[in-house]
Amino acid sequence: LFLIALDSRDYVTITYGGGVTAFTDYRI
């Protein structure tokens, strides 16, 4: 999941389950 908070201008990427395996820190 990629989150965009428009008014506070925050962003973050989180992964869970198989998403943790498929998406390494390097790729994120």
mmCIF file of all heavy atoms, coordinates in Angstrom:
data_MODEL
# 
_entry.id   MODEL 
# 
loop_
_atom_site.group_PDB 
_atom_site.id 
_atom_site.type_symbol 
_atom_site.label_atom_id 
_atom_site.label_alt_id 
_atom_site.label_comp_id 
_atom_site.label_asym_id 
_atom_site.label_entity_id 
_atom_site.label_seq_id 
_atom_site.pdbx_PDB_ins_code 
_atom_site.Cartn_x 
_atom_site.Cartn_y 
_atom_site.Cartn_z 
_atom_site.occupancy 
_atom_site.B_iso_or_equiv 
_atom_site.pdbx_formal_charge 
_atom_site.auth_seq_id 
_atom_site.auth_comp_id 
_atom_site.auth_asym_id 
_atom_site.auth_atom_id 
_atom_site.pdbx_PDB_model_num 
ATOM 1   N N   . LEU A 1 1  ? 0.843  -1.197  0.000   1.00 0.00 ? 1  LEU A N   1 
ATOM 2   C CA  . LEU A 1 1  ? 0.000  0.000   0.000   1.00 0.00 ? 1  LEU A CA  1 
ATOM 3   C C   . LEU A 1 1  ? 0.873  1.239   0.000   1.00 0.00 ? 1  LEU A C   1 
ATOM 4   O O   . LEU A 1 1  ? 1.807  1.349   0.822   1.00 0.00 ? 1  LEU A O   1 
ATOM 5   C CB  . LEU A 1 1  ? -0.935 0.008   1.210   1.00 0.00 ? 1  LEU A CB  1 
ATOM 6   C CG  . LEU A 1 1  ? -1.910 1.190   1.346   1.00 0.00 ? 1  LEU A CG  1 
ATOM 7   C CD1 . LEU A 1 1  ? -3.209 0.736   1.999   1.00 0.00 ? 1  LEU A CD1 1 
ATOM 8   C CD2 . LEU A 1 1  ? -1.308 2.333   2.173   1.00 0.00 ? 1  LEU A CD2 1 
ATOM 9   N N   . PHE A 1 2  ? 0.573  2.159   -0.906  1.00 0.00 ? 2  PHE A N   1 
ATOM 10  C CA  . PHE A 1 2  ? 1.256  3.460   -0.921  1.00 0.00 ? 2  PHE A CA  1 
ATOM 11  C C   . PHE A 1 2  ? 0.252  4.520   -0.525  1.00 0.00 ? 2  PHE A C   1 
ATOM 12  O O   . PHE A 1 2  ? -0.806 4.659   -1.146  1.00 0.00 ? 2  PHE A O   1 
ATOM 13  C CB  . PHE A 1 2  ? 1.842  3.758   -2.291  1.00 0.00 ? 2  PHE A CB  1 
ATOM 14  C CG  . PHE A 1 2  ? 2.646  5.034   -2.319  1.00 0.00 ? 2  PHE A CG  1 
ATOM 15  C CD1 . PHE A 1 2  ? 3.882  5.089   -1.700  1.00 0.00 ? 2  PHE A CD1 1 
ATOM 16  C CD2 . PHE A 1 2  ? 2.156  6.165   -2.950  1.00 0.00 ? 2  PHE A CD2 1 
ATOM 17  C CE1 . PHE A 1 2  ? 4.634  6.260   -1.713  1.00 0.00 ? 2  PHE A CE1 1 
ATOM 18  C CE2 . PHE A 1 2  ? 2.896  7.344   -2.973  1.00 0.00 ? 2  PHE A CE2 1 
ATOM 19  C CZ  . PHE A 1 2  ? 4.140  7.388   -2.345  1.00 0.00 ? 2  PHE A CZ  1 
ATOM 20  N N   . LEU A 1 3  ? 0.578  5.272   0.512   1.00 0.00 ? 3  LEU A N   1 
ATOM 21  C CA  . LEU A 1 3  ? -0.310 6.294   1.058   1.00 0.00 ? 3  LEU A CA  1 
ATOM 22  C C   . LEU A 1 3  ? 0.180  7.688   0.686   1.00 0.00 ? 3  LEU A C   1 
ATOM 23  O O   . LEU A 1 3  ? 1.366  8.003   0.831   1.00 0.00 ? 3  LEU A O   1 
ATOM 24  C CB  . LEU A 1 3  ? -0.360 6.168   2.586   1.00 0.00 ? 3  LEU A CB  1 
ATOM 25  C CG  . LEU A 1 3  ? -0.916 7.362   3.365   1.00 0.00 ? 3  LEU A CG  1 
ATOM 26  C CD1 . LEU A 1 3  ? -2.407 7.525   3.106   1.00 0.00 ? 3  LEU A CD1 1 
ATOM 27  C CD2 . LEU A 1 3  ? -0.642 7.221   4.848   1.00 0.00 ? 3  LEU A CD2 1 
ATOM 28  N N   . ILE A 1 4  ? -0.758 8.523   0.204   1.00 0.00 ? 4  ILE A N   1 
ATOM 29  C CA  . ILE A 1 4  ? -0.484 9.931   -0.065  1.00 0.00 ? 4  ILE A CA  1 
ATOM 30  C C   . ILE A 1 4  ? -1.454 10.764  0.775   1.00 0.00 ? 4  ILE A C   1 
ATOM 31  O O   . ILE A 1 4  ? -2.668 10.659  0.603   1.00 0.00 ? 4  ILE A O   1 
ATOM 32  C CB  . ILE A 1 4  ? -0.679 10.299  -1.549  1.00 0.00 ? 4  ILE A CB  1 
ATOM 33  C CG1 . ILE A 1 4  ? 0.070  9.328   -2.471  1.00 0.00 ? 4  ILE A CG1 1 
ATOM 34  C CG2 . ILE A 1 4  ? -0.232 11.729  -1.804  1.00 0.00 ? 4  ILE A CG2 1 
ATOM 35  C CD1 . ILE A 1 4  ? -0.258 9.514   -3.942  1.00 0.00 ? 4  ILE A CD1 1 
ATOM 36  N N   . ALA A 1 5  ? -0.923 11.560  1.689   1.00 0.00 ? 5  ALA A N   1 
ATOM 37  C CA  . ALA A 1 5  ? -1.739 12.488  2.479   1.00 0.00 ? 5  ALA A CA  1 
ATOM 38  C C   . ALA A 1 5  ? -1.524 13.886  1.901   1.00 0.00 ? 5  ALA A C   1 
ATOM 39  O O   . ALA A 1 5  ? -0.469 14.485  2.106   1.00 0.00 ? 5  ALA A O   1 
ATOM 40  C CB  . ALA A 1 5  ? -1.355 12.429  3.949   1.00 0.00 ? 5  ALA A CB  1 
ATOM 41  N N   . LEU A 1 6  ? -2.516 14.380  1.183   1.00 0.00 ? 6  LEU A N   1 
ATOM 42  C CA  . LEU A 1 6  ? -2.330 15.586  0.372   1.00 0.00 ? 6  LEU A CA  1 
ATOM 43  C C   . LEU A 1 6  ? -2.132 16.843  1.214   1.00 0.00 ? 6  LEU A C   1 
ATOM 44  O O   . LEU A 1 6  ? -1.241 17.659  0.917   1.00 0.00 ? 6  LEU A O   1 
ATOM 45  C CB  . LEU A 1 6  ? -3.516 15.767  -0.577  1.00 0.00 ? 6  LEU A CB  1 
ATOM 46  C CG  . LEU A 1 6  ? -3.504 14.974  -1.887  1.00 0.00 ? 6  LEU A CG  1 
ATOM 47  C CD1 . LEU A 1 6  ? -2.280 15.314  -2.712  1.00 0.00 ? 6  LEU A CD1 1 
ATOM 48  C CD2 . LEU A 1 6  ? -3.590 13.480  -1.650  1.00 0.00 ? 6  LEU A CD2 1 
ATOM 49  N N   . ASP A 1 7  ? -2.974 17.062  2.227   1.00 0.00 ? 7  ASP A N   1 
ATOM 50  C CA  . ASP A 1 7  ? -2.884 18.303  2.996   1.00 0.00 ? 7  ASP A CA  1 
ATOM 51  C C   . ASP A 1 7  ? -1.647 18.351  3.890   1.00 0.00 ? 7  ASP A C   1 
ATOM 52  O O   . ASP A 1 7  ? -0.999 19.394  4.011   1.00 0.00 ? 7  ASP A O   1 
ATOM 53  C CB  . ASP A 1 7  ? -4.151 18.495  3.839   1.00 0.00 ? 7  ASP A CB  1 
ATOM 54  C CG  . ASP A 1 7  ? -5.380 18.750  2.975   1.00 0.00 ? 7  ASP A CG  1 
ATOM 55  O OD1 . ASP A 1 7  ? -5.191 19.097  1.784   1.00 0.00 ? 7  ASP A OD1 1 
ATOM 56  O OD2 . ASP A 1 7  ? -6.506 18.592  3.473   1.00 0.00 ? 7  ASP A OD2 1 
ATOM 57  N N   . SER A 1 8  ? -1.317 17.237  4.510   1.00 0.00 ? 8  SER A N   1 
ATOM 58  C CA  . SER A 1 8  ? -0.133 17.189  5.382   1.00 0.00 ? 8  SER A CA  1 
ATOM 59  C C   . SER A 1 8  ? 1.132  16.833  4.612   1.00 0.00 ? 8  SER A C   1 
ATOM 60  O O   . SER A 1 8  ? 2.231  16.863  5.165   1.00 0.00 ? 8  SER A O   1 
ATOM 61  C CB  . SER A 1 8  ? -0.348 16.187  6.517   1.00 0.00 ? 8  SER A CB  1 
ATOM 62  O OG  . SER A 1 8  ? -0.601 14.883  6.000   1.00 0.00 ? 8  SER A OG  1 
ATOM 63  N N   . ARG A 1 9  ? 0.973  16.460  3.325   1.00 0.00 ? 9  ARG A N   1 
ATOM 64  C CA  . ARG A 1 9  ? 2.085  16.149  2.411   1.00 0.00 ? 9  ARG A CA  1 
ATOM 65  C C   . ARG A 1 9  ? 2.970  15.019  2.954   1.00 0.00 ? 9  ARG A C   1 
ATOM 66  O O   . ARG A 1 9  ? 4.200  15.068  2.876   1.00 0.00 ? 9  ARG A O   1 
ATOM 67  C CB  . ARG A 1 9  ? 2.927  17.396  2.116   1.00 0.00 ? 9  ARG A CB  1 
ATOM 68  C CG  . ARG A 1 9  ? 2.121  18.532  1.515   1.00 0.00 ? 9  ARG A CG  1 
ATOM 69  C CD  . ARG A 1 9  ? 2.987  19.671  1.042   1.00 0.00 ? 9  ARG A CD  1 
ATOM 70  N NE  . ARG A 1 9  ? 3.783  19.293  -0.128  1.00 0.00 ? 9  ARG A NE  1 
ATOM 71  C CZ  . ARG A 1 9  ? 3.319  19.299  -1.383  1.00 0.00 ? 9  ARG A CZ  1 
ATOM 72  N NH1 . ARG A 1 9  ? 2.056  19.620  -1.621  1.00 0.00 ? 9  ARG A NH1 1 
ATOM 73  N NH2 . ARG A 1 9  ? 4.107  18.985  -2.389  1.00 0.00 ? 9  ARG A NH2 1 
ATOM 74  N N   . ASP A 1 10 ? 2.309  14.002  3.481   1.00 0.00 ? 10 ASP A N   1 
ATOM 75  C CA  . ASP A 1 10 ? 3.012  12.804  3.960   1.00 0.00 ? 10 ASP A CA  1 
ATOM 76  C C   . ASP A 1 10 ? 2.866  11.682  2.937   1.00 0.00 ? 10 ASP A C   1 
ATOM 77  O O   . ASP A 1 10 ? 1.892  11.632  2.183   1.00 0.00 ? 10 ASP A O   1 
ATOM 78  C CB  . ASP A 1 10 ? 2.438  12.332  5.298   1.00 0.00 ? 10 ASP A CB  1 
ATOM 79  C CG  . ASP A 1 10 ? 2.708  13.303  6.430   1.00 0.00 ? 10 ASP A CG  1 
ATOM 80  O OD1 . ASP A 1 10 ? 3.876  13.385  6.869   1.00 0.00 ? 10 ASP A OD1 1 
ATOM 81  O OD2 . ASP A 1 10 ? 1.761  13.987  6.874   1.00 0.00 ? 10 ASP A OD2 1 
ATOM 82  N N   . TYR A 1 11 ? 3.835  10.769  2.947   1.00 0.00 ? 11 TYR A N   1 
ATOM 83  C CA  . TYR A 1 11 ? 3.742  9.565   2.122   1.00 0.00 ? 11 TYR A CA  1 
ATOM 84  C C   . TYR A 1 11 ? 4.408  8.417   2.860   1.00 0.00 ? 11 TYR A C   1 
ATOM 85  O O   . TYR A 1 11 ? 5.272  8.624   3.718   1.00 0.00 ? 11 TYR A O   1 
ATOM 86  C CB  . TYR A 1 11 ? 4.421  9.762   0.759   1.00 0.00 ? 11 TYR A CB  1 
ATOM 87  C CG  . TYR A 1 11 ? 5.937  9.772   0.831   1.00 0.00 ? 11 TYR A CG  1 
ATOM 88  C CD1 . TYR A 1 11 ? 6.673  8.584   0.735   1.00 0.00 ? 11 TYR A CD1 1 
ATOM 89  C CD2 . TYR A 1 11 ? 6.635  10.960  1.028   1.00 0.00 ? 11 TYR A CD2 1 
ATOM 90  C CE1 . TYR A 1 11 ? 8.059  8.592   0.828   1.00 0.00 ? 11 TYR A CE1 1 
ATOM 91  C CE2 . TYR A 1 11 ? 8.013  10.979  1.121   1.00 0.00 ? 11 TYR A CE2 1 
ATOM 92  C CZ  . TYR A 1 11 ? 8.717  9.797   1.017   1.00 0.00 ? 11 TYR A CZ  1 
ATOM 93  O OH  . TYR A 1 11 ? 10.081 9.805   1.120   1.00 0.00 ? 11 TYR A OH  1 
ATOM 94  N N   . VAL A 1 12 ? 4.026  7.197   2.512   1.00 0.00 ? 12 VAL A N   1 
ATOM 95  C CA  . VAL A 1 12 ? 4.663  6.006   3.089   1.00 0.00 ? 12 VAL A CA  1 
ATOM 96  C C   . VAL A 1 12 ? 4.270  4.793   2.258   1.00 0.00 ? 12 VAL A C   1 
ATOM 97  O O   . VAL A 1 12 ? 3.222  4.783   1.604   1.00 0.00 ? 12 VAL A O   1 
ATOM 98  C CB  . VAL A 1 12 ? 4.239  5.804   4.570   1.00 0.00 ? 12 VAL A CB  1 
ATOM 99  C CG1 . VAL A 1 12 ? 2.802  5.314   4.675   1.00 0.00 ? 12 VAL A CG1 1 
ATOM 100 C CG2 . VAL A 1 12 ? 5.188  4.821   5.280   1.00 0.00 ? 12 VAL A CG2 1 
ATOM 101 N N   . THR A 1 13 ? 5.124  3.785   2.293   1.00 0.00 ? 13 THR A N   1 
ATOM 102 C CA  . THR A 1 13 ? 4.840  2.485   1.677   1.00 0.00 ? 13 THR A CA  1 
ATOM 103 C C   . THR A 1 13 ? 4.855  1.424   2.762   1.00 0.00 ? 13 THR A C   1 
ATOM 104 O O   . THR A 1 13 ? 5.802  1.375   3.561   1.00 0.00 ? 13 THR A O   1 
ATOM 105 C CB  . THR A 1 13 ? 5.893  2.112   0.615   1.00 0.00 ? 13 THR A CB  1 
ATOM 106 O OG1 . THR A 1 13 ? 6.011  3.168   -0.329  1.00 0.00 ? 13 THR A OG1 1 
ATOM 107 C CG2 . THR A 1 13 ? 5.513  0.826   -0.102  1.00 0.00 ? 13 THR A CG2 1 
ATOM 108 N N   . ILE A 1 14 ? 3.815  0.601   2.823   1.00 0.00 ? 14 ILE A N   1 
ATOM 109 C CA  . ILE A 1 14 ? 3.819  -0.526  3.750   1.00 0.00 ? 14 ILE A CA  1 
ATOM 110 C C   . ILE A 1 14 ? 3.528  -1.807  2.969   1.00 0.00 ? 14 ILE A C   1 
ATOM 111 O O   . ILE A 1 14 ? 2.869  -1.790  1.929   1.00 0.00 ? 14 ILE A O   1 
ATOM 112 C CB  . ILE A 1 14 ? 2.787  -0.357  4.888   1.00 0.00 ? 14 ILE A CB  1 
ATOM 113 C CG1 . ILE A 1 14 ? 1.358  -0.292  4.327   1.00 0.00 ? 14 ILE A CG1 1 
ATOM 114 C CG2 . ILE A 1 14 ? 3.101  0.864   5.739   1.00 0.00 ? 14 ILE A CG2 1 
ATOM 115 C CD1 . ILE A 1 14 ? 0.280  -0.392  5.398   1.00 0.00 ? 14 ILE A CD1 1 
ATOM 116 N N   . THR A 1 15 ? 4.054  -2.916  3.465   1.00 0.00 ? 15 THR A N   1 
ATOM 117 C CA  . THR A 1 15 ? 3.816  -4.231  2.865   1.00 0.00 ? 15 THR A CA  1 
ATOM 118 C C   . THR A 1 15 ? 3.398  -5.202  3.957   1.00 0.00 ? 15 THR A C   1 
ATOM 119 O O   . THR A 1 15 ? 3.697  -4.994  5.144   1.00 0.00 ? 15 THR A O   1 
ATOM 120 C CB  . THR A 1 15 ? 5.080  -4.771  2.173   1.00 0.00 ? 15 THR A CB  1 
ATOM 121 O OG1 . THR A 1 15 ? 6.168  -4.792  3.120   1.00 0.00 ? 15 THR A OG1 1 
ATOM 122 C CG2 . THR A 1 15 ? 5.462  -3.895  0.991   1.00 0.00 ? 15 THR A CG2 1 
ATOM 123 N N   . TYR A 1 16 ? 2.719  -6.261  3.535   1.00 0.00 ? 16 TYR A N   1 
ATOM 124 C CA  . TYR A 1 16 ? 2.294  -7.271  4.507   1.00 0.00 ? 16 TYR A CA  1 
ATOM 125 C C   . TYR A 1 16 ? 2.186  -8.618  3.807   1.00 0.00 ? 16 TYR A C   1 
ATOM 126 O O   . TYR A 1 16 ? 1.914  -8.701  2.610   1.00 0.00 ? 16 TYR A O   1 
ATOM 127 C CB  . TYR A 1 16 ? 0.951  -6.893  5.133   1.00 0.00 ? 16 TYR A CB  1 
ATOM 128 C CG  . TYR A 1 16 ? 0.622  -7.699  6.376   1.00 0.00 ? 16 TYR A CG  1 
ATOM 129 C CD1 . TYR A 1 16 ? 1.236  -7.412  7.590   1.00 0.00 ? 16 TYR A CD1 1 
ATOM 130 C CD2 . TYR A 1 16 ? -0.285 -8.757  6.320   1.00 0.00 ? 16 TYR A CD2 1 
ATOM 131 C CE1 . TYR A 1 16 ? 0.951  -8.155  8.724   1.00 0.00 ? 16 TYR A CE1 1 
ATOM 132 C CE2 . TYR A 1 16 ? -0.580 -9.512  7.449   1.00 0.00 ? 16 TYR A CE2 1 
ATOM 133 C CZ  . TYR A 1 16 ? 0.036  -9.202  8.658   1.00 0.00 ? 16 TYR A CZ  1 
ATOM 134 O OH  . TYR A 1 16 ? -0.231 -9.943  9.779   1.00 0.00 ? 16 TYR A OH  1 
ATOM 135 N N   . GLY A 1 17 ? 2.407  -9.699  4.583   1.00 0.00 ? 17 GLY A N   1 
ATOM 136 C CA  . GLY A 1 17 ? 2.285  -11.050 4.036   1.00 0.00 ? 17 GLY A CA  1 
ATOM 137 C C   . GLY A 1 17 ? 3.238  -11.283 2.888   1.00 0.00 ? 17 GLY A C   1 
ATOM 138 O O   . GLY A 1 17 ? 4.442  -11.022 2.983   1.00 0.00 ? 17 GLY A O   1 
ATOM 139 N N   . GLY A 1 18 ? 2.704  -11.753 1.770   1.00 0.00 ? 18 GLY A N   1 
ATOM 140 C CA  . GLY A 1 18 ? 3.521  -11.988 0.582   1.00 0.00 ? 18 GLY A CA  1 
ATOM 141 C C   . GLY A 1 18 ? 4.118  -10.723 0.012   1.00 0.00 ? 18 GLY A C   1 
ATOM 142 O O   . GLY A 1 18 ? 5.108  -10.773 -0.716  1.00 0.00 ? 18 GLY A O   1 
ATOM 143 N N   . GLY A 1 19 ? 3.543  -9.575  0.350   1.00 0.00 ? 19 GLY A N   1 
ATOM 144 C CA  . GLY A 1 19 ? 4.108  -8.308  -0.101  1.00 0.00 ? 19 GLY A CA  1 
ATOM 145 C C   . GLY A 1 19 ? 5.465  -8.035  0.502   1.00 0.00 ? 19 GLY A C   1 
ATOM 146 O O   . GLY A 1 19 ? 6.330  -7.405  -0.136  1.00 0.00 ? 19 GLY A O   1 
ATOM 147 N N   . VAL A 1 20 ? 5.695  -8.504  1.724   1.00 0.00 ? 20 VAL A N   1 
ATOM 148 C CA  . VAL A 1 20 ? 7.001  -8.335  2.371   1.00 0.00 ? 20 VAL A CA  1 
ATOM 149 C C   . VAL A 1 20 ? 8.063  -9.135  1.629   1.00 0.00 ? 20 VAL A C   1 
ATOM 150 O O   . VAL A 1 20 ? 9.200  -8.682  1.456   1.00 0.00 ? 20 VAL A O   1 
ATOM 151 C CB  . VAL A 1 20 ? 6.930  -8.778  3.848   1.00 0.00 ? 20 VAL A CB  1 
ATOM 152 C CG1 . VAL A 1 20 ? 8.307  -8.727  4.496   1.00 0.00 ? 20 VAL A CG1 1 
ATOM 153 C CG2 . VAL A 1 20 ? 5.948  -7.895  4.618   1.00 0.00 ? 20 VAL A CG2 1 
ATOM 154 N N   . THR A 1 21 ? 7.685  -10.315 1.154   1.00 0.00 ? 21 THR A N   1 
ATOM 155 C CA  . THR A 1 21 ? 8.635  -11.165 0.431   1.00 0.00 ? 21 THR A CA  1 
ATOM 156 C C   . THR A 1 21 ? 8.942  -10.618 -0.959  1.00 0.00 ? 21 THR A C   1 
ATOM 157 O O   . THR A 1 21 ? 10.095 -10.604 -1.391  1.00 0.00 ? 21 THR A O   1 
ATOM 158 C CB  . THR A 1 21 ? 8.063  -12.585 0.294   1.00 0.00 ? 21 THR A CB  1 
ATOM 159 O OG1 . THR A 1 21 ? 7.713  -13.089 1.590   1.00 0.00 ? 21 THR A OG1 1 
ATOM 160 C CG2 . THR A 1 21 ? 9.080  -13.515 -0.350  1.00 0.00 ? 21 THR A CG2 1 
ATOM 161 N N   . ALA A 1 22 ? 7.907  -10.158 -1.650  1.00 0.00 ? 22 ALA A N   1 
ATOM 162 C CA  . ALA A 1 22 ? 8.079  -9.723  -3.038  1.00 0.00 ? 22 ALA A CA  1 
ATOM 163 C C   . ALA A 1 22 ? 8.744  -8.362  -3.153  1.00 0.00 ? 22 ALA A C   1 
ATOM 164 O O   . ALA A 1 22 ? 9.436  -8.091  -4.138  1.00 0.00 ? 22 ALA A O   1 
ATOM 165 C CB  . ALA A 1 22 ? 6.724  -9.692  -3.739  1.00 0.00 ? 22 ALA A CB  1 
ATOM 166 N N   . PHE A 1 23 ? 8.561  -7.494  -2.156  1.00 0.00 ? 23 PHE A N   1 
ATOM 167 C CA  . PHE A 1 23 ? 9.094  -6.133  -2.215  1.00 0.00 ? 23 PHE A CA  1 
ATOM 168 C C   . PHE A 1 23 ? 10.172 -5.947  -1.149  1.00 0.00 ? 23 PHE A C   1 
ATOM 169 O O   . PHE A 1 23 ? 9.870  -5.812  0.033   1.00 0.00 ? 23 PHE A O   1 
ATOM 170 C CB  . PHE A 1 23 ? 7.980  -5.104  -2.022  1.00 0.00 ? 23 PHE A CB  1 
ATOM 171 C CG  . PHE A 1 23 ? 7.004  -5.052  -3.151  1.00 0.00 ? 23 PHE A CG  1 
ATOM 172 C CD1 . PHE A 1 23 ? 5.897  -5.898  -3.172  1.00 0.00 ? 23 PHE A CD1 1 
ATOM 173 C CD2 . PHE A 1 23 ? 7.179  -4.164  -4.199  1.00 0.00 ? 23 PHE A CD2 1 
ATOM 174 C CE1 . PHE A 1 23 ? 4.982  -5.858  -4.214  1.00 0.00 ? 23 PHE A CE1 1 
ATOM 175 C CE2 . PHE A 1 23 ? 6.270  -4.116  -5.257  1.00 0.00 ? 23 PHE A CE2 1 
ATOM 176 C CZ  . PHE A 1 23 ? 5.177  -4.967  -5.264  1.00 0.00 ? 23 PHE A CZ  1 
ATOM 177 N N   . THR A 1 24 ? 11.423 -5.956  -1.579  1.00 0.00 ? 24 THR A N   1 
ATOM 178 C CA  . THR A 1 24 ? 12.543 -5.755  -0.662  1.00 0.00 ? 24 THR A CA  1 
ATOM 179 C C   . THR A 1 24 ? 12.680 -4.276  -0.305  1.00 0.00 ? 24 THR A C   1 
ATOM 180 O O   . THR A 1 24 ? 12.117 -3.400  -0.972  1.00 0.00 ? 24 THR A O   1 
ATOM 181 C CB  . THR A 1 24 ? 13.853 -6.237  -1.301  1.00 0.00 ? 24 THR A CB  1 
ATOM 182 O OG1 . THR A 1 24 ? 14.090 -5.452  -2.497  1.00 0.00 ? 24 THR A OG1 1 
ATOM 183 C CG2 . THR A 1 24 ? 13.780 -7.706  -1.673  1.00 0.00 ? 24 THR A CG2 1 
ATOM 184 N N   . ASP A 1 25 ? 13.441 -3.993  0.737   1.00 0.00 ? 25 ASP A N   1 
ATOM 185 C CA  . ASP A 1 25 ? 13.712 -2.604  1.107   1.00 0.00 ? 25 ASP A CA  1 
ATOM 186 C C   . ASP A 1 25 ? 14.369 -1.856  -0.046  1.00 0.00 ? 25 ASP A C   1 
ATOM 187 O O   . ASP A 1 25 ? 14.096 -0.674  -0.280  1.00 0.00 ? 25 ASP A O   1 
ATOM 188 C CB  . ASP A 1 25 ? 14.623 -2.553  2.347   1.00 0.00 ? 25 ASP A CB  1 
ATOM 189 C CG  . ASP A 1 25 ? 13.944 -3.140  3.577   1.00 0.00 ? 25 ASP A CG  1 
ATOM 190 O OD1 . ASP A 1 25 ? 12.700 -3.234  3.580   1.00 0.00 ? 25 ASP A OD1 1 
ATOM 191 O OD2 . ASP A 1 25 ? 14.655 -3.494  4.534   1.00 0.00 ? 25 ASP A OD2 1 
ATOM 192 N N   . TYR A 1 26 ? 15.250 -2.550  -0.748  1.00 0.00 ? 26 TYR A N   1 
ATOM 193 C CA  . TYR A 1 26 ? 15.941 -1.961  -1.899  1.00 0.00 ? 26 TYR A CA  1 
ATOM 194 C C   . TYR A 1 26 ? 14.947 -1.528  -2.973  1.00 0.00 ? 26 TYR A C   1 
ATOM 195 O O   . TYR A 1 26 ? 15.030 -0.417  -3.506  1.00 0.00 ? 26 TYR A O   1 
ATOM 196 C CB  . TYR A 1 26 ? 16.921 -2.992  -2.461  1.00 0.00 ? 26 TYR A CB  1 
ATOM 197 C CG  . TYR A 1 26 ? 17.545 -2.635  -3.789  1.00 0.00 ? 26 TYR A CG  1 
ATOM 198 C CD1 . TYR A 1 26 ? 18.658 -1.797  -3.858  1.00 0.00 ? 26 TYR A CD1 1 
ATOM 199 C CD2 . TYR A 1 26 ? 17.030 -3.145  -4.985  1.00 0.00 ? 26 TYR A CD2 1 
ATOM 200 C CE1 . TYR A 1 26 ? 19.239 -1.469  -5.074  1.00 0.00 ? 26 TYR A CE1 1 
ATOM 201 C CE2 . TYR A 1 26 ? 17.611 -2.830  -6.203  1.00 0.00 ? 26 TYR A CE2 1 
ATOM 202 C CZ  . TYR A 1 26 ? 18.713 -1.991  -6.242  1.00 0.00 ? 26 TYR A CZ  1 
ATOM 203 O OH  . TYR A 1 26 ? 19.275 -1.674  -7.448  1.00 0.00 ? 26 TYR A OH  1 
ATOM 204 N N   . ARG A 1 27 ? 13.993 -2.397  -3.291  1.00 0.00 ? 27 ARG A N   1 
ATOM 205 C CA  . ARG A 1 27 ? 13.031 -2.092  -4.345  1.00 0.00 ? 27 ARG A CA  1 
ATOM 206 C C   . ARG A 1 27 ? 12.063 -0.989  -3.911  1.00 0.00 ? 27 ARG A C   1 
ATOM 207 O O   . ARG A 1 27 ? 11.717 -0.111  -4.723  1.00 0.00 ? 27 ARG A O   1 
ATOM 208 C CB  . ARG A 1 27 ? 12.254 -3.357  -4.720  1.00 0.00 ? 27 ARG A CB  1 
ATOM 209 C CG  . ARG A 1 27 ? 11.258 -3.150  -5.860  1.00 0.00 ? 27 ARG A CG  1 
ATOM 210 C CD  . ARG A 1 27 ? 11.925 -2.568  -7.096  1.00 0.00 ? 27 ARG A CD  1 
ATOM 211 N NE  . ARG A 1 27 ? 11.016 -2.537  -8.243  1.00 0.00 ? 27 ARG A NE  1 
ATOM 212 C CZ  . ARG A 1 27 ? 11.284 -1.954  -9.393  1.00 0.00 ? 27 ARG A CZ  1 
ATOM 213 N NH1 . ARG A 1 27 ? 12.436 -1.314  -9.566  1.00 0.00 ? 27 ARG A NH1 1 
ATOM 214 N NH2 . ARG A 1 27 ? 10.413 -1.991  -10.392 1.00 0.00 ? 27 ARG A NH2 1 
ATOM 215 N N   . ILE A 1 28 ? 11.635 -1.011  -2.663  1.00 0.00 ? 28 ILE A N   1 
ATOM 216 C CA  . ILE A 1 28 ? 10.733 0.033   -2.165  1.00 0.00 ? 28 ILE A CA  1 
ATOM 217 C C   . ILE A 1 28 ? 11.412 1.395   -2.238  1.00 0.00 ? 28 ILE A C   1 
ATOM 218 O O   . ILE A 1 28 ? 10.794 2.397   -2.614  1.00 0.00 ? 28 ILE A O   1 
ATOM 219 C CB  . ILE A 1 28 ? 10.282 -0.290  -0.735  1.00 0.00 ? 28 ILE A CB  1 
ATOM 220 C CG1 . ILE A 1 28 ? 9.347  -1.507  -0.739  1.00 0.00 ? 28 ILE A CG1 1 
ATOM 221 C CG2 . ILE A 1 28 ? 9.573  0.910   -0.090  1.00 0.00 ? 28 ILE A CG2 1 
ATOM 222 C CD1 . ILE A 1 28 ? 8.977  -2.012  0.635   1.00 0.00 ? 28 ILE A CD1 1 
# 
